[in-house]
Amino acid sequence: METIIFASDLHGSLSALTSLLEKAEKLKASHLLLGGDICPPDNNLFKIAMANSPVEILQVRGNCDNAYDFAKAQLPLPPLMQKFLLAERTVLLTHGDRYPSPYGLGLRKGDIFISGHTHTPQLHTDAMGIICVNPGSTTFPRNILGPTYGVIDSNSIRILSLKDDVCITELSIYDMPRKDQ
């Protein structure tokens, strides 16, 4: 299984974006998922960092993202959600303001629902067996843990401190529900 880094609520922070891109390169991640409220500033450095990313970036639009800011930054306006397959699991990425839960979005037991919006890291399996994860915020955390981001790899889903990579919470692959169970 490939390694994926995911984060949300950058709110235009070039330092958060740079840190995420460095972590993605270090972990040899295949993708960086950005769960909305990217809020690209009107400066070339942010745009250049996005364009020169060592990994593919998949992003969704958040409630603070707007067409004007993306146009000024000369970046395409992201969709409200992205859905893709990862090791036989459907992963759905959305900001969480319009779609705050996985219900009604076609997810099943063992699938992964990634959202942002609350600026609070969370990781749990819901009553339907859907893995729900919120990486928190890289820029304006609403908790005592500080800025956070997430990693999905062949062993687990983890939420980590952006500053020092300390694991805040983890769900082992062995504890994840499977579609065939």
Foldseek 3Di string as FASTA:
>chain_A
DFKEWEAEQAQQDLVLLVLSLVVCVVRVGQEYEYQENNQHALDQSSVVCQVPRPHHYAYAYDPNDDPVSCVSNVHDHHHQWDWDDDPNAIEIGGACPVPVDCPPVPHAALHEYEHEPVLEWDWDQDPRNYTYTYLHHQHDHPDPLHGWIWMDDPFWIFIAHSVPRHTPDIDTPVNRTDPVD
